[in-house]
Protein backbone atom coordinates (compact mmCIF):
# COMPACT_ATOMS: atom_id res chain seq x y z
CA MET A 1 -6.28 19.11 -15.99
CA SER A 2 -7.80 16.28 -13.92
CA LYS A 3 -6.44 15.84 -10.43
CA ARG A 4 -4.92 12.45 -9.64
CA VAL A 5 -6.07 11.13 -6.28
CA ALA A 6 -4.96 8.06 -4.34
CA VAL A 7 -7.63 6.56 -2.08
CA ILE A 8 -6.39 4.25 0.69
CA LEU A 9 -8.78 1.52 1.82
CA SER A 10 -8.55 -0.73 4.88
CA GLY A 11 -10.87 -3.62 4.01
CA CYS A 12 -14.62 -3.78 3.49
CA GLY A 13 -17.09 -3.26 6.30
CA VAL A 14 -17.45 -0.70 9.09
CA TYR A 15 -16.42 -2.96 11.99
CA ASP A 16 -13.27 -4.47 10.51
CA GLY A 17 -12.46 -2.49 7.35
CA THR A 18 -13.40 0.60 5.36
CA GLU A 19 -16.85 2.08 5.99
CA VAL A 20 -18.51 1.29 2.66
CA HIS A 21 -20.78 4.35 2.50
CA GLU A 22 -17.87 6.67 3.23
CA ALA A 23 -15.77 5.07 0.50
CA SER A 24 -18.67 5.27 -1.94
CA ALA A 25 -19.29 8.93 -1.11
CA VAL A 26 -15.61 9.74 -1.63
CA LEU A 27 -15.63 7.99 -5.01
CA VAL A 28 -18.88 9.63 -6.17
CA HIS A 29 -17.67 13.12 -5.27
CA LEU A 30 -14.27 12.53 -6.87
CA SER A 31 -15.97 11.23 -10.02
CA ARG A 32 -18.24 14.27 -10.16
CA ALA A 33 -15.19 16.52 -9.87
CA GLY A 34 -13.51 14.76 -12.79
CA ALA A 35 -10.63 13.39 -10.71
CA LYS A 36 -8.61 10.37 -11.77
CA VAL A 37 -8.68 7.85 -8.93
CA GLN A 38 -6.59 4.85 -8.01
CA MET A 39 -7.39 2.81 -4.91
CA PHE A 40 -4.77 1.16 -2.73
CA ALA A 41 -4.75 -1.13 0.31
CA PRO A 42 -2.14 -3.04 2.32
CA ASN A 43 -1.56 -6.64 1.27
CA ALA A 44 -1.82 -8.06 4.78
CA ASP A 45 -4.25 -9.86 7.05
CA GLN A 46 -6.96 -7.91 8.86
CA MET A 47 -6.62 -7.65 12.64
CA HIS A 48 -9.76 -9.80 12.81
CA VAL A 49 -12.99 -10.45 10.93
CA VAL A 50 -16.31 -9.29 12.39
CA ASN A 51 -19.70 -10.83 11.77
CA HIS A 52 -21.57 -7.62 10.98
CA CYS A 53 -24.96 -9.17 11.82
CA VAL A 54 -24.02 -9.49 15.48
CA GLY A 55 -20.99 -7.20 15.75
CA LYS A 56 -18.71 -9.94 17.07
CA PRO A 57 -15.36 -11.30 15.82
CA THR A 58 -15.16 -14.71 14.14
CA GLU A 59 -12.28 -17.16 13.71
CA GLU A 60 -12.09 -16.38 10.00
CA LYS A 61 -9.05 -14.67 8.43
CA ARG A 62 -9.27 -12.20 5.56
CA ASN A 63 -6.78 -10.17 3.53
CA ILE A 64 -7.12 -6.36 3.56
CA LEU A 65 -6.27 -5.97 -0.13
CA GLN A 66 -8.68 -8.70 -1.23
CA GLU A 67 -11.50 -7.30 0.90
CA SER A 68 -10.84 -3.75 -0.38
CA ALA A 69 -11.26 -5.09 -3.92
CA ARG A 70 -14.97 -5.54 -3.10
CA ILE A 71 -15.31 -1.75 -2.83
CA ALA A 72 -12.94 -1.04 -5.71
CA ARG A 73 -14.81 -3.42 -8.05
CA GLY A 74 -11.55 -5.32 -8.36
CA ASP A 75 -9.41 -2.32 -9.32
CA VAL A 76 -7.21 -1.95 -6.24
CA THR A 77 -3.42 -1.91 -6.00
CA ASP A 78 -1.03 -3.08 -3.30
CA LEU A 79 -0.17 -0.09 -1.09
CA ASP A 80 3.52 -0.93 -1.57
CA LYS A 81 3.19 0.32 -5.15
CA LEU A 82 1.79 3.78 -4.32
CA ASP A 83 4.12 6.36 -5.91
CA VAL A 84 3.46 9.70 -4.22
CA ALA A 85 4.93 11.55 -7.20
CA ALA A 86 2.14 10.17 -9.42
CA PHE A 87 -0.67 11.77 -7.38
CA ASP A 88 -1.90 15.24 -6.46
CA ALA A 89 -3.64 14.22 -3.23
CA VAL A 90 -4.55 11.28 -1.00
CA ILE A 91 -7.89 10.56 0.69
CA ILE A 92 -8.55 8.01 3.42
CA PRO A 93 -12.16 7.01 4.24
CA GLY A 94 -12.98 5.90 7.80
CA GLY A 95 -14.24 2.68 9.29
CA PHE A 96 -12.72 0.57 12.06
CA GLY A 97 -10.24 -0.80 9.53
CA VAL A 98 -8.31 2.45 10.02
CA ALA A 99 -8.14 1.75 13.76
CA LYS A 100 -7.44 -1.99 13.36
CA ASN A 101 -5.62 -2.53 10.06
CA LEU A 102 -3.93 0.79 9.23
CA SER A 103 -3.09 1.34 12.91
CA ASP A 104 -3.70 -0.21 16.34
CA TRP A 105 -5.77 2.68 17.71
CA ALA A 106 -8.61 0.25 18.50
CA VAL A 107 -6.54 -1.47 21.19
CA LYS A 108 -4.06 1.22 22.27
CA ASN A 109 -6.01 4.49 21.89
CA LYS A 110 -3.70 7.53 21.93
CA GLU A 111 -0.64 5.32 22.61
CA PHE A 112 -1.21 3.72 19.21
CA THR A 113 1.18 3.17 16.32
CA ILE A 114 0.51 3.42 12.58
CA GLN A 115 1.30 0.68 10.11
CA PRO A 116 4.79 1.71 8.80
CA GLN A 117 3.76 1.66 5.14
CA VAL A 118 0.79 3.97 5.83
CA GLU A 119 2.87 6.33 7.99
CA LYS A 120 5.56 6.57 5.31
CA ILE A 121 3.00 7.48 2.62
CA ILE A 122 1.22 10.13 4.70
CA LYS A 123 4.55 11.72 5.63
CA ALA A 124 5.62 11.70 1.98
CA PHE A 125 2.43 13.44 0.81
CA HIS A 126 2.81 16.01 3.57
CA LYS A 127 6.49 16.64 2.80
CA ALA A 128 5.61 17.11 -0.88
CA ARG A 129 2.96 19.69 0.15
CA LYS A 130 0.21 17.55 -1.35
CA PRO A 131 -3.18 17.59 0.42
CA LEU A 132 -4.52 14.92 2.73
CA GLY A 133 -8.28 14.28 3.00
CA MET A 134 -9.57 12.14 5.86
CA CYS A 135 -13.02 10.97 6.98
CA CYS A 136 -14.21 10.00 10.41
CA ILE A 137 -11.70 8.04 12.52
CA ALA A 138 -9.05 8.30 9.75
CA SER A 139 -8.23 11.71 11.23
CA ILE A 140 -6.34 9.94 14.05
CA LEU A 141 -3.60 9.17 11.51
CA ALA A 142 -3.01 12.88 10.96
CA ALA A 143 -3.18 13.52 14.72
CA LYS A 144 -0.28 11.11 15.23
CA ILE A 145 1.86 12.12 12.26
CA LEU A 146 1.28 15.90 12.22
CA PRO A 147 1.59 17.18 15.80
CA GLY A 148 -0.22 20.46 16.33
CA CYS A 149 -2.40 20.06 13.24
CA GLU A 150 -6.01 21.25 13.11
CA LEU A 151 -8.67 18.63 12.48
CA THR A 152 -12.21 17.59 13.25
CA VAL A 153 -14.13 14.48 14.22
CA GLY A 154 -17.25 16.58 14.78
CA GLN A 155 -18.06 17.67 18.32
CA GLU A 156 -16.23 17.36 21.63
CA LYS A 157 -19.25 16.80 23.88
CA GLU A 158 -20.62 13.26 23.89
CA CYS A 159 -24.35 12.82 23.35
CA GLU A 160 -26.74 10.64 21.37
CA LYS A 161 -25.87 12.48 18.17
CA TRP A 162 -22.11 12.38 18.83
CA PRO A 163 -21.44 9.00 20.51
CA TYR A 164 -17.69 9.02 19.78
CA ALA A 165 -16.93 12.56 20.94
CA GLN A 166 -14.26 11.33 23.36
CA THR A 167 -12.01 10.90 20.32
CA ALA A 168 -11.74 14.68 20.08
CA GLY A 169 -10.41 14.79 23.63
CA ALA A 170 -7.80 12.15 22.85
CA MET A 171 -6.65 14.17 19.83
CA LYS A 172 -6.27 17.26 21.98
CA GLU A 173 -4.20 15.26 24.46
CA MET A 174 -1.98 14.28 21.52
CA GLY A 175 -1.30 17.98 20.89
CA CYS A 176 -3.74 18.68 18.07
CA LYS A 177 -6.28 21.45 17.79
CA HIS A 178 -9.76 19.97 17.47
CA VAL A 179 -12.30 22.19 15.71
CA ASN A 180 -16.00 21.53 16.35
CA THR A 181 -17.92 21.19 13.08
CA ASP A 182 -21.30 19.95 11.92
CA VAL A 183 -21.52 16.69 10.00
CA GLU A 184 -22.31 18.49 6.73
CA LYS A 185 -19.05 20.45 6.90
CA ALA A 186 -15.31 19.89 6.86
CA HIS A 187 -12.36 21.65 8.44
CA VAL A 188 -9.39 22.85 6.40
CA ASP A 189 -5.95 23.11 8.01
CA VAL A 190 -4.32 25.28 5.36
CA LYS A 191 -0.84 25.10 6.89
CA ASN A 192 -0.76 21.29 6.77
CA LYS A 193 -3.00 20.94 3.69
CA LEU A 194 -5.22 18.66 5.76
CA VAL A 195 -9.00 18.41 5.26
CA THR A 196 -11.14 16.42 7.69
CA THR A 197 -14.84 15.68 8.16
CA SER A 198 -16.69 13.79 10.88
CA ALA A 199 -18.79 11.46 8.68
CA PHE A 200 -20.16 8.57 10.78
CA MET A 201 -18.63 9.90 13.99
CA CYS A 202 -22.04 11.56 13.95
CA ASN A 203 -25.31 9.70 14.35
CA ALA A 204 -26.84 11.53 11.39
CA PRO A 205 -28.93 10.77 8.28
CA ILE A 206 -26.75 9.24 5.60
CA HIS A 207 -27.31 12.13 3.18
CA ASN A 208 -25.80 14.53 5.73
CA VAL A 209 -22.72 12.32 5.95
CA PHE A 210 -22.57 12.21 2.15
CA ASP A 211 -22.73 16.01 1.94
CA GLY A 212 -19.95 16.48 4.52
CA ILE A 213 -17.70 14.11 2.62
CA GLY A 214 -18.46 16.12 -0.51
CA VAL A 215 -17.18 19.27 1.17
CA MET A 216 -14.04 17.41 2.26
CA VAL A 217 -13.40 16.16 -1.28
CA LYS A 218 -14.01 19.60 -2.79
CA GLU A 219 -11.65 21.33 -0.34
CA THR A 220 -8.97 18.65 -0.78
CA LEU A 221 -9.03 19.08 -4.55
CA LYS A 222 -8.86 22.89 -4.18
CA LEU A 223 -5.58 22.50 -2.30
CA ALA A 224 -4.11 20.17 -4.94
């Protein structure tokens, strides 16, 4: 029987929404596995809009749900309508939208809060013993909601290959166990049914990121 998977998006574009290549990789791997997918996003304004050519915010305003529809080819549903009982698992791709629209990590770091709707859904999947798959910076959501959980954002030592390694340290300060992994791999926290992969936390060739997301998707579906 096909697994039913909810995918939560946070806009469209690495600097102010969902990282498009991560979302695409998640969808390709889910499709290959025969999963039935429905995408969701909050119906709210983005924290800000970034001109991706120069990496700087603009005065423009955009809606998270409408922007997510660009990735979903129009087939995206208001996050308010996500019924946890209708799905076997949830997966959240990364991108700064997680840190700006699904939470305020981008401005508050480890003192951050999660958008109430998103927090409620993650807690409900966890309480129902349904697996959570998270890419890249999306793992911070699990770090906040599931104290003591095991997760990965790649490596803990910052270098050219791992420019965002300080995130691992922040997660450890929040009481989580960070597990060093390569970009092509994922870590499975069996107790919490949580599967994480570093994705673009690593400065790696895009096919390596794609492969790591594939492992995350495969392991998430195995737990469902």
